N, C-alpha and C. Protein backbone atom coordinates (compact mmCIF):
# COMPACT_ATOMS: atom_id res chain seq x y z
N UNK A 1 -27.16 22.71 -9.70
CA UNK A 1 -26.41 21.55 -9.35
C UNK A 1 -25.88 21.72 -7.92
N UNK A 2 -26.04 20.72 -7.12
CA UNK A 2 -25.59 20.73 -5.72
C UNK A 2 -24.16 20.26 -5.62
N UNK A 3 -23.35 21.01 -4.90
CA UNK A 3 -21.98 20.58 -4.63
C UNK A 3 -21.85 20.34 -3.14
N UNK A 4 -21.36 19.18 -2.78
CA UNK A 4 -21.18 18.86 -1.37
C UNK A 4 -20.10 19.76 -0.79
N UNK A 5 -20.32 20.19 0.43
CA UNK A 5 -19.34 21.01 1.12
C UNK A 5 -18.29 20.09 1.75
N UNK A 6 -17.04 20.43 1.53
CA UNK A 6 -15.94 19.63 2.05
C UNK A 6 -15.44 20.28 3.33
N UNK A 7 -15.38 19.50 4.41
CA UNK A 7 -14.86 20.02 5.67
C UNK A 7 -13.35 20.16 5.55
N UNK A 8 -12.85 21.29 6.05
CA UNK A 8 -11.41 21.53 6.02
C UNK A 8 -10.93 21.92 7.41
N UNK A 9 -9.65 21.72 7.63
CA UNK A 9 -9.01 22.04 8.90
C UNK A 9 -8.42 23.44 8.83
N UNK A 10 -8.68 24.27 9.83
CA UNK A 10 -8.09 25.61 9.87
C UNK A 10 -6.70 25.53 10.49
N UNK A 11 -5.72 26.06 9.78
CA UNK A 11 -4.33 26.06 10.23
C UNK A 11 -3.85 27.52 10.25
N UNK A 12 -3.29 27.95 11.38
CA UNK A 12 -2.74 29.29 11.47
C UNK A 12 -1.29 29.24 10.99
N UNK A 13 -0.95 30.16 10.06
CA UNK A 13 0.37 30.14 9.44
C UNK A 13 1.01 31.52 9.44
N UNK A 14 2.32 31.51 9.24
CA UNK A 14 3.10 32.70 8.93
C UNK A 14 3.67 32.47 7.54
N UNK A 15 3.46 33.43 6.66
CA UNK A 15 3.96 33.33 5.29
C UNK A 15 4.88 34.52 5.05
N UNK A 16 6.06 34.25 4.54
CA UNK A 16 6.99 35.33 4.23
C UNK A 16 7.14 35.46 2.73
N UNK A 17 7.07 36.71 2.25
CA UNK A 17 7.39 37.02 0.87
C UNK A 17 8.67 37.84 0.90
N UNK A 18 9.08 38.39 -0.23
CA UNK A 18 10.30 39.20 -0.25
C UNK A 18 10.13 40.51 0.53
N UNK A 19 8.88 40.99 0.66
CA UNK A 19 8.66 42.29 1.30
C UNK A 19 7.82 42.23 2.56
N UNK A 20 7.03 41.19 2.73
CA UNK A 20 6.08 41.15 3.84
C UNK A 20 6.06 39.82 4.57
N UNK A 21 5.50 39.86 5.77
CA UNK A 21 5.17 38.65 6.52
C UNK A 21 3.66 38.70 6.73
N UNK A 22 2.99 37.63 6.41
CA UNK A 22 1.54 37.55 6.53
C UNK A 22 1.21 36.48 7.54
N UNK A 23 0.39 36.84 8.52
CA UNK A 23 -0.09 35.87 9.50
C UNK A 23 -1.59 35.74 9.33
N UNK A 24 -2.07 34.51 9.29
CA UNK A 24 -3.49 34.28 9.12
C UNK A 24 -3.80 32.80 9.08
N UNK A 25 -4.97 32.48 8.57
CA UNK A 25 -5.45 31.09 8.54
C UNK A 25 -5.57 30.59 7.11
N UNK A 26 -5.11 29.36 6.90
CA UNK A 26 -5.38 28.65 5.66
C UNK A 26 -6.20 27.42 6.00
N UNK A 27 -6.81 26.83 5.01
CA UNK A 27 -7.71 25.69 5.25
C UNK A 27 -7.26 24.51 4.41
N UNK A 28 -7.01 23.39 5.09
CA UNK A 28 -6.53 22.18 4.44
C UNK A 28 -7.55 21.06 4.54
N UNK A 29 -7.53 20.19 3.56
CA UNK A 29 -8.35 18.99 3.63
C UNK A 29 -7.85 18.13 4.80
N UNK A 30 -8.73 17.32 5.40
CA UNK A 30 -8.28 16.47 6.50
C UNK A 30 -7.07 15.62 6.09
N UNK A 31 -6.10 15.54 6.98
CA UNK A 31 -4.87 14.77 6.78
C UNK A 31 -3.95 15.32 5.69
N UNK A 32 -4.24 16.53 5.20
CA UNK A 32 -3.37 17.14 4.20
C UNK A 32 -2.28 17.94 4.90
N UNK A 33 -1.21 18.18 4.16
CA UNK A 33 -0.09 18.97 4.69
C UNK A 33 -0.04 20.31 3.95
N UNK A 34 0.68 21.25 4.53
CA UNK A 34 0.83 22.55 3.87
C UNK A 34 1.48 22.37 2.50
N UNK A 35 2.44 21.47 2.40
CA UNK A 35 3.09 21.23 1.11
C UNK A 35 2.11 20.69 0.06
N UNK A 36 1.11 19.94 0.50
CA UNK A 36 0.09 19.46 -0.44
C UNK A 36 -0.66 20.64 -1.05
N UNK A 37 -0.97 21.64 -0.22
CA UNK A 37 -1.66 22.84 -0.69
C UNK A 37 -0.78 23.59 -1.69
N UNK A 38 0.51 23.70 -1.40
CA UNK A 38 1.42 24.43 -2.28
C UNK A 38 1.62 23.72 -3.62
N UNK A 39 1.57 22.40 -3.60
CA UNK A 39 1.80 21.62 -4.82
C UNK A 39 0.54 21.31 -5.61
N UNK A 40 -0.61 21.77 -5.12
CA UNK A 40 -1.89 21.48 -5.77
C UNK A 40 -1.94 22.11 -7.17
N UNK A 41 -2.21 21.29 -8.16
CA UNK A 41 -2.33 21.75 -9.54
C UNK A 41 -3.62 22.56 -9.72
N UNK A 42 -3.58 23.53 -10.59
CA UNK A 42 -4.78 24.27 -10.94
C UNK A 42 -5.11 25.43 -10.03
N UNK A 43 -4.38 25.60 -8.97
CA UNK A 43 -4.64 26.71 -8.06
C UNK A 43 -3.33 27.47 -7.84
N UNK A 44 -3.27 28.70 -8.34
CA UNK A 44 -2.05 29.49 -8.26
C UNK A 44 -2.00 30.37 -7.02
N UNK A 45 -3.14 30.48 -6.31
CA UNK A 45 -3.22 31.39 -5.17
C UNK A 45 -3.57 30.66 -3.88
N UNK A 46 -3.07 31.20 -2.77
CA UNK A 46 -3.36 30.66 -1.45
C UNK A 46 -4.35 31.60 -0.78
N UNK A 47 -5.57 31.13 -0.47
CA UNK A 47 -6.53 31.97 0.25
C UNK A 47 -6.18 32.02 1.73
N UNK A 48 -6.23 33.21 2.31
CA UNK A 48 -5.88 33.41 3.72
C UNK A 48 -6.98 34.24 4.37
N UNK A 49 -7.47 33.79 5.53
CA UNK A 49 -8.47 34.57 6.26
C UNK A 49 -7.84 35.18 7.50
N UNK A 50 -8.48 36.23 8.01
CA UNK A 50 -8.01 36.94 9.21
C UNK A 50 -6.54 37.31 9.08
N UNK A 51 -6.19 37.90 7.95
CA UNK A 51 -4.80 38.18 7.62
C UNK A 51 -4.30 39.47 8.25
N UNK A 52 -3.08 39.40 8.76
CA UNK A 52 -2.34 40.57 9.22
C UNK A 52 -1.06 40.61 8.41
N UNK A 53 -0.80 41.77 7.81
CA UNK A 53 0.34 41.92 6.92
C UNK A 53 1.35 42.87 7.56
N UNK A 54 2.58 42.39 7.71
CA UNK A 54 3.65 43.16 8.36
C UNK A 54 4.76 43.44 7.36
N UNK A 55 5.40 44.60 7.50
CA UNK A 55 6.57 44.93 6.71
C UNK A 55 7.76 44.15 7.23
N UNK A 56 8.55 43.55 6.34
CA UNK A 56 9.75 42.85 6.77
C UNK A 56 10.81 43.84 7.25
N UNK A 57 10.86 45.01 6.61
CA UNK A 57 11.88 46.00 6.97
C UNK A 57 11.67 46.57 8.37
N UNK A 58 10.45 47.03 8.65
CA UNK A 58 10.19 47.71 9.92
C UNK A 58 9.55 46.81 10.96
N UNK A 59 8.93 45.73 10.51
CA UNK A 59 8.21 44.85 11.43
C UNK A 59 6.84 45.39 11.81
N UNK A 60 6.49 46.55 11.29
CA UNK A 60 5.21 47.17 11.66
C UNK A 60 4.05 46.61 10.84
N UNK A 61 2.87 46.66 11.44
CA UNK A 61 1.65 46.20 10.79
C UNK A 61 1.30 47.14 9.65
N UNK A 62 1.17 46.61 8.45
CA UNK A 62 0.87 47.40 7.26
C UNK A 62 -0.63 47.41 6.99
N UNK A 63 -1.28 46.25 7.16
CA UNK A 63 -2.70 46.14 6.83
C UNK A 63 -3.29 44.90 7.48
N UNK A 64 -4.60 44.90 7.59
CA UNK A 64 -5.36 43.75 8.07
C UNK A 64 -6.53 43.54 7.12
N UNK A 65 -6.90 42.28 6.91
CA UNK A 65 -8.02 41.98 6.03
C UNK A 65 -8.66 40.66 6.45
N UNK A 66 -9.98 40.58 6.28
CA UNK A 66 -10.68 39.34 6.57
C UNK A 66 -10.30 38.24 5.58
N UNK A 67 -9.97 38.67 4.34
CA UNK A 67 -9.63 37.69 3.30
C UNK A 67 -8.63 38.29 2.32
N UNK A 68 -7.56 37.56 2.06
CA UNK A 68 -6.60 37.92 1.01
C UNK A 68 -6.18 36.63 0.31
N UNK A 69 -5.63 36.78 -0.87
CA UNK A 69 -4.99 35.65 -1.54
C UNK A 69 -3.58 36.07 -1.90
N UNK A 70 -2.69 35.11 -1.91
CA UNK A 70 -1.30 35.38 -2.26
C UNK A 70 -0.87 34.40 -3.34
N UNK A 71 -0.16 34.92 -4.32
CA UNK A 71 0.35 34.09 -5.39
C UNK A 71 1.41 33.15 -4.83
N UNK A 72 1.30 31.88 -5.13
CA UNK A 72 2.25 30.89 -4.61
C UNK A 72 3.69 31.21 -5.01
N UNK A 73 3.87 31.85 -6.16
CA UNK A 73 5.22 32.20 -6.63
C UNK A 73 5.88 33.25 -5.75
N UNK A 74 5.11 33.96 -4.93
CA UNK A 74 5.66 35.01 -4.07
C UNK A 74 6.09 34.47 -2.71
N UNK A 75 5.76 33.23 -2.41
CA UNK A 75 6.05 32.65 -1.09
C UNK A 75 7.52 32.26 -1.00
N UNK A 76 8.19 32.81 0.01
CA UNK A 76 9.57 32.45 0.30
C UNK A 76 9.61 31.39 1.39
N UNK A 77 8.71 31.55 2.38
CA UNK A 77 8.69 30.67 3.54
C UNK A 77 7.27 30.60 4.08
N UNK A 78 6.86 29.41 4.49
CA UNK A 78 5.56 29.27 5.14
C UNK A 78 5.73 28.28 6.30
N UNK A 79 5.25 28.68 7.47
CA UNK A 79 5.34 27.81 8.65
C UNK A 79 4.02 27.83 9.41
N UNK A 80 3.74 26.73 10.05
CA UNK A 80 2.55 26.65 10.90
C UNK A 80 2.86 27.39 12.19
N UNK A 81 1.95 28.27 12.58
CA UNK A 81 2.11 29.04 13.81
C UNK A 81 1.43 28.28 14.93
N UNK A 82 2.14 28.05 16.00
CA UNK A 82 1.58 27.29 17.13
C UNK A 82 1.33 28.17 18.31
């Protein structure tokens, strides 16, 4: 079965959890907002590409990954990085 590919917009974000700050890219449908992604039913995780993970305590880089997912329940703050 063929599934059409949906074009998405790449948005660079900073996401804060209780222990870490993650900087990377999320992908939104055209004209969608970050809050739309957070409120989307059926998806508990946020996929992030080109992720850099920093410790909130020290500010130092903890890890880097081409792809990570984060549970939406762990998000304290998310902002678009300009």
